[in-house]
């Protein structure tokens, strides 16, 4: 079996790993192994699309989604009084 050393791990990440390992009743090393194995051997590939693309796809099938917004009546500009 191979070994892996991770340097400069953020303190918050290490603490979250420790808490997660404690909740599962395993060592931090075992928890890290399980996380890596679950992530890298899952049958679903990671979603690499950008956030904007994913949002656009959510609303793609809505009818008349591409119609322009109605014109708003123009109001004369005036300063706001506080």
C-alpha atoms as a PDB file:
ATOM      1  CA  UNK A   1       0.000   0.000   0.000  1.00  0.00           C
ATOM      2  CA  UNK A   2       1.137   3.535  -0.751  1.00  0.00           C
ATOM      3  CA  UNK A   3       1.617   6.326   1.755  1.00  0.00           C
ATOM      4  CA  UNK A   4       0.700   9.981   1.429  1.00  0.00           C
ATOM      5  CA  UNK A   5       1.977  12.914   3.471  1.00  0.00           C
ATOM      6  CA  UNK A   6      -0.017  16.143   3.348  1.00  0.00           C
ATOM      7  CA  UNK A   7       1.850  19.284   4.362  1.00  0.00           C
ATOM      8  CA  UNK A   8       0.475  22.748   5.155  1.00  0.00           C
ATOM      9  CA  UNK A   9      -3.041  21.501   5.888  1.00  0.00           C
ATOM     10  CA  UNK A  10      -5.266  24.339   7.076  1.00  0.00           C
ATOM     11  CA  UNK A  11      -6.025  24.164  10.817  1.00  0.00           C
ATOM     12  CA  UNK A  12      -9.779  24.376  10.217  1.00  0.00           C
ATOM     13  CA  UNK A  13      -9.658  21.474   7.760  1.00  0.00           C
ATOM     14  CA  UNK A  14      -7.693  19.381  10.235  1.00  0.00           C
ATOM     15  CA  UNK A  15     -10.192  20.170  13.002  1.00  0.00           C
ATOM     16  CA  UNK A  16     -13.138  19.250  10.787  1.00  0.00           C
ATOM     17  CA  UNK A  17     -11.411  15.991   9.870  1.00  0.00           C
ATOM     18  CA  UNK A  18     -10.794  15.270  13.557  1.00  0.00           C
ATOM     19  CA  UNK A  19     -14.460  15.961  14.432  1.00  0.00           C
ATOM     20  CA  UNK A  20     -15.710  13.829  11.563  1.00  0.00           C
ATOM     21  CA  UNK A  21     -13.397  10.957  12.532  1.00  0.00           C
ATOM     22  CA  UNK A  22     -14.565  11.150  16.139  1.00  0.00           C
ATOM     23  CA  UNK A  23     -18.214  11.059  15.025  1.00  0.00           C
ATOM     24  CA  UNK A  24     -17.492   7.918  12.968  1.00  0.00           C
ATOM     25  CA  UNK A  25     -15.406   6.335  15.714  1.00  0.00           C
ATOM     26  CA  UNK A  26     -12.261   6.028  13.608  1.00  0.00           C
ATOM     27  CA  UNK A  27      -8.837   7.639  13.489  1.00  0.00           C
ATOM     28  CA  UNK A  28      -8.187  10.775  11.453  1.00  0.00           C
ATOM     29  CA  UNK A  29      -6.052   8.687   9.121  1.00  0.00           C
ATOM     30  CA  UNK A  30      -8.863   6.190   8.524  1.00  0.00           C
ATOM     31  CA  UNK A  31     -11.376   9.000   8.024  1.00  0.00           C
ATOM     32  CA  UNK A  32      -9.111  10.616   5.417  1.00  0.00           C
ATOM     33  CA  UNK A  33      -8.758   7.253   3.645  1.00  0.00           C
ATOM     34  CA  UNK A  34     -12.543   6.827   3.571  1.00  0.00           C
ATOM     35  CA  UNK A  35     -13.104  10.356   2.235  1.00  0.00           C
ATOM     36  CA  UNK A  36     -10.537   9.880  -0.538  1.00  0.00           C
ATOM     37  CA  UNK A  37     -11.853   6.441  -1.460  1.00  0.00           C
ATOM     38  CA  UNK A  38     -15.488   7.609  -1.520  1.00  0.00           C
ATOM     39  CA  UNK A  39     -14.694  10.656  -3.625  1.00  0.00           C
ATOM     40  CA  UNK A  40     -12.331   9.024  -6.079  1.00  0.00           C
ATOM     41  CA  UNK A  41     -14.168   5.750  -6.614  1.00  0.00           C
ATOM     42  CA  UNK A  42     -17.701   7.126  -6.943  1.00  0.00           C
ATOM     43  CA  UNK A  43     -19.491   6.244 -10.160  1.00  0.00           C
ATOM     44  CA  UNK A  44     -20.622   9.826 -10.742  1.00  0.00           C
ATOM     45  CA  UNK A  45     -18.016  12.196 -12.165  1.00  0.00           C
ATOM     46  CA  UNK A  46     -17.533  15.536 -10.451  1.00  0.00           C
ATOM     47  CA  UNK A  47     -19.610  18.378 -11.870  1.00  0.00           C
ATOM     48  CA  UNK A  48     -17.115  20.704 -13.532  1.00  0.00           C
ATOM     49  CA  UNK A  49     -19.652  23.087 -15.046  1.00  0.00           C
ATOM     50  CA  UNK A  50     -19.620  26.652 -13.772  1.00  0.00           C
ATOM     51  CA  UNK A  51     -22.302  28.013 -11.466  1.00  0.00           C
ATOM     52  CA  UNK A  52     -23.816  30.222 -14.172  1.00  0.00           C
ATOM     53  CA  UNK A  53     -24.139  27.272 -16.534  1.00  0.00           C
ATOM     54  CA  UNK A  54     -25.842  25.158 -13.884  1.00  0.00           C
ATOM     55  CA  UNK A  55     -28.298  27.961 -13.019  1.00  0.00           C
ATOM     56  CA  UNK A  56     -29.099  28.561 -16.699  1.00  0.00           C
ATOM     57  CA  UNK A  57     -29.792  24.848 -17.182  1.00  0.00           C
ATOM     58  CA  UNK A  58     -32.208  24.876 -14.239  1.00  0.00           C
ATOM     59  CA  UNK A  59     -34.373  27.509 -15.966  1.00  0.00           C
ATOM     60  CA  UNK A  60     -33.807  26.436 -19.583  1.00  0.00           C
ATOM     61  CA  UNK A  61     -37.168  24.663 -20.000  1.00  0.00           C
ATOM     62  CA  UNK A  62     -39.342  27.487 -18.664  1.00  0.00           C
ATOM     63  CA  UNK A  63     -41.576  28.772 -21.481  1.00  0.00           C
ATOM     64  CA  UNK A  64     -40.869  32.317 -22.722  1.00  0.00           C
ATOM     65  CA  UNK A  65     -37.716  32.427 -20.659  1.00  0.00           C
ATOM     66  CA  UNK A  66     -35.881  34.386 -23.345  1.00  0.00           C
ATOM     67  CA  UNK A  67     -38.386  37.225 -23.770  1.00  0.00           C
ATOM     68  CA  UNK A  68     -37.102  40.667 -22.841  1.00  0.00           C
ATOM     69  CA  UNK A  69     -38.419  42.385 -19.742  1.00  0.00           C
ATOM     70  CA  UNK A  70     -41.157  44.974 -20.281  1.00  0.00           C
ATOM     71  CA  UNK A  71     -40.132  48.613 -20.510  1.00  0.00           C
ATOM     72  CA  UNK A  72     -40.369  50.483 -17.249  1.00  0.00           C
ATOM     73  CA  UNK A  73     -41.686  54.037 -17.348  1.00  0.00           C
ATOM     74  CA  UNK A  74     -38.821  56.513 -17.000  1.00  0.00           C
ATOM     75  CA  UNK A  75     -38.965  58.654 -13.947  1.00  0.00           C
ATOM     76  CA  UNK A  76     -37.164  61.958 -13.795  1.00  0.00           C
ATOM     77  CA  UNK A  77     -33.971  61.763 -11.812  1.00  0.00           C
ATOM     78  CA  UNK A  78     -34.061  63.488  -8.443  1.00  0.00           C
ATOM     79  CA  UNK A  79     -31.720  63.330  -5.467  1.00  0.00           C
ATOM     80  CA  UNK A  80     -32.709  61.379  -2.417  1.00  0.00           C
ATOM     81  CA  UNK A  81     -33.180  63.434   0.727  1.00  0.00           C
ATOM     82  CA  UNK A  82     -32.029  61.871   3.975  1.00  0.00           C
END
